[in-house]
Amino acid sequence: MQKNILLIGGSYGIGFEMAKQLSATYHVFVASRTIGELAGNGATHIPFDVLSGDISNTSLPDELHGFAFCPGSITLKPLKMMDIDTFKEDMEINFFSMVKVVKAIMPKMAENSSMVFFSTVAVETGMPFHTSVAAAKGAIEGFALALAAEYAPRIRVNVIAPSLVDTPLAGRLLNNDKKKTMMAERHPLKRVGIAKDVANMAAFLLNSDNSWITGQVFAVDGGMSKLNTNP
């Protein structure tokens, strides 16, 4: 029997790369607002708005063997330029909408299934102008570790914490060669990430062959969180 994977968000960027990779082995369902680049790539698209929709009202299979939540935001501003609504918006898209979906699909998660969430390098490594997004992603990490403990050994739960990845979401940060070079130099591996870098790790964690891993936060960040290569 072909196993079922549900991705929330997957029309572009990391989610789309995940859908492409996983469709070779699994029956992949992508719940997102638009079909984007998915057409003809083997996944089943489910129209869904994570901020206003109820995933319970969509056509999901009775059993899920893997799940990943991809929507997120990149809000980079000084604290003095953000009001409380900015923090609420980041929490809504990154955290509360995720919790709503997780609660709805938990009854469908199969024995030995896997869940993957996304954080940011800025949770572990303090960075200026990241207060809002780091707070929202930090909530994801705490939630995921508690969930992993609560549902072990039936469900594995892990988190991926990337640095900057060249996707549509990060477009304004990488919209010219000067910005790309500057951002690349900040990383010990001297490049920004691409969607495949992160999707590779997500596919690894969703694979049941890798079933002795849970409750972990994996940095896929070009070495940024751990290494200082400045002389």
Protein backbone atom coordinates (compact mmCIF):
# COMPACT_ATOMS: atom_id res chain seq x y z
CA MET A 1 0.00 0.00 0.00
CA GLN A 2 1.35 3.42 -0.97
CA LYS A 3 1.72 5.65 2.07
CA ASN A 4 0.11 9.08 2.32
CA ILE A 5 1.94 12.34 3.06
CA LEU A 6 0.15 15.63 3.75
CA LEU A 7 1.95 18.92 3.14
CA ILE A 8 0.37 22.18 4.21
CA GLY A 9 1.80 24.61 1.66
CA GLY A 10 3.69 23.14 -1.24
CA SER A 11 2.96 25.18 -4.33
CA TYR A 12 6.30 26.98 -4.24
CA GLY A 13 9.69 26.97 -2.55
CA ILE A 14 10.63 24.33 0.00
CA GLY A 15 7.17 22.76 0.08
CA PHE A 16 7.13 22.36 -3.69
CA GLU A 17 10.57 20.75 -3.67
CA MET A 18 9.35 18.37 -0.97
CA ALA A 19 6.27 17.49 -3.01
CA LYS A 20 8.41 16.70 -6.05
CA GLN A 21 10.78 14.46 -4.12
CA LEU A 22 8.16 12.67 -2.06
CA SER A 23 5.79 12.00 -4.97
CA ALA A 24 8.25 9.45 -6.34
CA THR A 25 7.57 7.21 -3.33
CA TYR A 26 4.39 8.38 -1.60
CA HIS A 27 0.93 9.59 -2.39
CA VAL A 28 1.42 13.29 -1.61
CA PHE A 29 -1.45 15.64 -0.79
CA VAL A 30 -0.65 19.36 -0.90
CA ALA A 31 -3.14 21.66 0.83
CA SER A 32 -2.53 25.24 -0.29
CA ARG A 33 -4.29 28.29 -1.67
CA THR A 34 -3.01 27.88 -5.22
CA ILE A 35 -1.76 24.98 -7.30
CA GLY A 36 1.33 27.01 -8.27
CA GLU A 37 4.04 24.85 -9.79
CA LEU A 38 2.44 21.56 -8.70
CA ALA A 39 0.58 20.85 -11.92
CA GLY A 40 1.97 17.71 -13.51
CA ASN A 41 4.33 16.90 -10.66
CA GLY A 42 2.47 13.93 -9.20
CA ALA A 43 0.92 15.44 -6.08
CA THR A 44 -2.79 15.83 -5.34
CA HIS A 45 -3.70 19.46 -4.74
CA ILE A 46 -6.32 20.38 -2.14
CA PRO A 47 -7.51 24.02 -2.15
CA PHE A 48 -6.97 25.31 1.39
CA ASP A 49 -6.30 28.63 3.10
CA VAL A 50 -4.44 27.95 6.32
CA LEU A 51 -5.60 31.21 7.93
CA SER A 52 -9.31 30.81 7.29
CA GLY A 53 -9.95 27.19 6.31
CA ASP A 54 -10.70 24.02 8.25
CA ILE A 55 -8.60 21.08 7.07
CA SER A 56 -11.28 18.73 8.42
CA ASN A 57 -13.58 19.89 5.63
CA THR A 58 -11.19 18.82 2.87
CA SER A 59 -10.81 15.49 1.07
CA LEU A 60 -8.02 13.84 3.04
CA PRO A 61 -7.28 10.11 3.11
CA ASP A 62 -8.37 8.16 6.18
CA GLU A 63 -4.76 7.54 7.20
CA LEU A 64 -1.65 9.73 7.08
CA HIS A 65 1.89 8.41 7.37
CA GLY A 66 3.65 11.76 7.20
CA PHE A 67 2.88 15.43 7.69
CA ALA A 68 4.75 18.71 7.24
CA PHE A 69 3.63 22.28 7.82
CA CYS A 70 5.37 24.71 5.46
CA PRO A 71 3.68 28.15 5.68
CA GLY A 72 5.70 30.86 7.37
CA SER A 73 6.81 34.47 7.33
CA ILE A 74 9.99 36.53 7.34
CA THR A 75 9.33 39.74 9.26
CA LEU A 76 12.62 41.58 9.79
CA LYS A 77 12.21 44.97 11.46
CA PRO A 78 13.57 46.80 14.51
CA LEU A 79 11.37 46.25 17.54
CA LYS A 80 10.56 49.97 17.75
CA MET A 81 9.02 49.80 14.25
CA MET A 82 6.66 46.92 15.03
CA ASP A 83 3.35 47.09 16.86
CA ILE A 84 1.73 44.22 18.69
CA ASP A 85 -0.33 43.32 15.62
CA THR A 86 2.87 42.34 13.78
CA PHE A 87 3.66 39.82 16.49
CA LYS A 88 0.10 38.51 16.42
CA GLU A 89 0.21 38.09 12.63
CA ASP A 90 3.50 36.17 12.77
CA MET A 91 2.14 33.93 15.53
CA GLU A 92 -1.04 33.32 13.55
CA ILE A 93 0.60 32.19 10.30
CA ASN A 94 3.52 30.32 11.87
CA PHE A 95 2.08 28.84 15.04
CA PHE A 96 -1.66 29.04 15.70
CA SER A 97 -2.66 27.96 12.19
CA MET A 98 -0.23 25.05 12.54
CA VAL A 99 -1.70 23.96 15.87
CA LYS A 100 -5.21 24.10 14.41
CA VAL A 101 -4.24 21.76 11.58
CA VAL A 102 -2.28 19.41 13.84
CA LYS A 103 -5.22 18.98 16.22
CA ALA A 104 -7.52 18.22 13.29
CA ILE A 105 -5.31 15.57 11.66
CA MET A 106 -4.01 13.78 14.77
CA PRO A 107 -6.71 11.08 14.60
CA LYS A 108 -5.53 10.26 11.06
CA MET A 109 -1.83 9.87 11.91
CA ALA A 110 -0.81 6.23 11.52
CA GLU A 111 1.38 4.14 13.80
CA ASN A 112 5.06 4.97 13.19
CA SER A 113 4.18 8.13 11.27
CA SER A 114 6.30 11.27 11.15
CA MET A 115 5.65 15.00 11.49
CA VAL A 116 8.04 17.76 10.42
CA PHE A 117 7.83 21.44 11.35
CA PHE A 118 9.98 24.41 10.32
CA SER A 119 11.72 26.90 12.57
CA THR A 120 14.63 29.29 11.87
CA VAL A 121 18.29 29.60 12.74
CA ALA A 122 17.33 32.83 14.52
CA VAL A 123 15.78 30.92 17.43
CA GLU A 124 19.11 29.44 18.53
CA THR A 125 21.29 32.31 17.30
CA GLY A 126 20.09 35.76 18.35
CA MET A 127 19.89 38.13 15.38
CA PRO A 128 18.88 41.79 15.20
CA PHE A 129 15.44 42.57 13.77
CA HIS A 130 14.20 38.98 14.21
CA THR A 131 12.20 39.42 17.45
CA SER A 132 8.80 38.68 15.94
CA VAL A 133 9.62 35.76 13.66
CA ALA A 134 12.05 34.23 16.19
CA ALA A 135 9.34 34.33 18.86
CA ALA A 136 6.83 32.60 16.56
CA LYS A 137 9.30 29.96 15.42
CA GLY A 138 10.49 29.44 18.99
CA ALA A 139 6.91 28.56 19.89
CA ILE A 140 7.00 25.90 17.16
CA GLU A 141 10.14 24.34 18.60
CA GLY A 142 8.70 24.15 22.11
CA PHE A 143 5.41 22.75 20.81
CA ALA A 144 7.14 20.14 18.66
CA LEU A 145 9.37 18.82 21.45
CA ALA A 146 6.43 18.50 23.83
CA LEU A 147 4.36 16.82 21.10
CA ALA A 148 7.20 14.37 20.40
CA ALA A 149 7.27 13.38 24.05
CA GLU A 150 3.50 13.09 24.30
CA TYR A 151 3.05 10.91 21.23
CA ALA A 152 6.14 8.71 21.48
CA PRO A 153 6.53 5.98 20.35
CA ARG A 154 3.55 6.14 17.96
CA ILE A 155 4.44 9.39 16.14
CA ARG A 156 7.86 10.94 15.50
CA VAL A 157 8.08 14.74 15.59
CA ASN A 158 11.09 16.76 14.44
CA VAL A 159 11.92 20.34 13.46
CA ILE A 160 14.15 21.80 10.75
CA ALA A 161 15.71 25.21 11.45
CA PRO A 162 17.06 26.69 8.21
CA SER A 163 19.01 29.84 7.61
CA LEU A 164 18.13 32.03 4.62
CA VAL A 165 16.89 29.96 1.67
CA ASP A 166 16.47 31.30 -1.86
CA THR A 167 12.69 30.93 -2.23
CA PRO A 168 9.86 33.30 -3.19
CA LEU A 169 9.28 34.00 0.52
CA ALA A 170 12.81 35.41 0.81
CA GLY A 171 12.68 37.22 -2.52
CA ARG A 172 13.04 40.76 -1.20
CA LEU A 173 16.17 39.78 0.74
CA LEU A 174 17.85 38.29 -2.34
CA ASN A 175 16.57 40.43 -5.18
CA ASN A 176 19.95 41.52 -6.54
CA ASP A 177 23.48 40.16 -6.83
CA LYS A 178 24.87 42.44 -4.12
CA LYS A 179 22.37 41.17 -1.56
CA LYS A 180 22.99 37.56 -2.58
CA THR A 181 26.75 37.97 -2.19
CA MET A 182 26.39 39.71 1.16
CA MET A 183 24.05 37.04 2.51
CA ALA A 184 26.26 34.23 1.20
CA GLU A 185 29.30 35.66 3.00
CA ARG A 186 27.51 35.47 6.34
CA HIS A 187 27.50 31.66 6.12
CA PRO A 188 30.58 29.48 6.72
CA LEU A 189 29.73 27.54 3.53
CA LYS A 190 29.59 30.85 1.63
CA ARG A 191 26.21 30.47 0.01
CA VAL A 192 22.58 30.83 0.91
CA GLY A 193 20.42 27.74 0.93
CA ILE A 194 18.27 26.44 -1.88
CA ALA A 195 14.93 24.69 -1.46
CA LYS A 196 16.47 21.28 -2.15
CA ASP A 197 18.84 21.63 0.83
CA VAL A 198 15.93 21.78 3.24
CA ALA A 199 13.61 19.43 1.35
CA ASN A 200 16.30 16.72 1.46
CA MET A 201 16.28 16.81 5.26
CA ALA A 202 12.49 16.86 5.43
CA ALA A 203 12.23 13.83 3.13
CA PHE A 204 14.80 12.02 5.28
CA LEU A 205 12.80 12.66 8.45
CA LEU A 206 9.50 11.63 6.86
CA ASN A 207 10.96 8.34 5.65
CA SER A 208 10.01 5.45 7.96
CA ASP A 209 13.45 3.92 7.39
CA ASN A 210 14.78 6.66 9.68
CA SER A 211 12.53 5.74 12.56
CA TRP A 212 14.90 6.22 15.51
CA ILE A 213 14.84 10.02 15.37
CA THR A 214 12.35 12.15 17.26
CA GLY A 215 12.26 15.32 19.33
CA GLN A 216 15.15 16.93 17.46
CA VAL A 217 15.78 20.36 15.95
CA PHE A 218 18.05 20.08 12.90
CA ALA A 219 19.99 23.14 11.74
CA VAL A 220 20.19 23.24 7.94
CA ASP A 221 21.93 26.57 7.83
CA GLY A 222 25.28 26.48 6.05
CA GLY A 223 27.00 26.29 9.43
CA MET A 224 25.70 29.65 10.65
CA SER A 225 24.35 28.55 14.04
CA LYS A 226 27.50 26.73 15.19
CA LEU A 227 30.54 28.06 13.35
CA ASN A 228 32.41 31.35 13.37
CA THR A 229 34.88 31.33 10.48
CA ASN A 230 36.00 34.93 10.85
CA PRO A 231 39.73 35.02 11.73
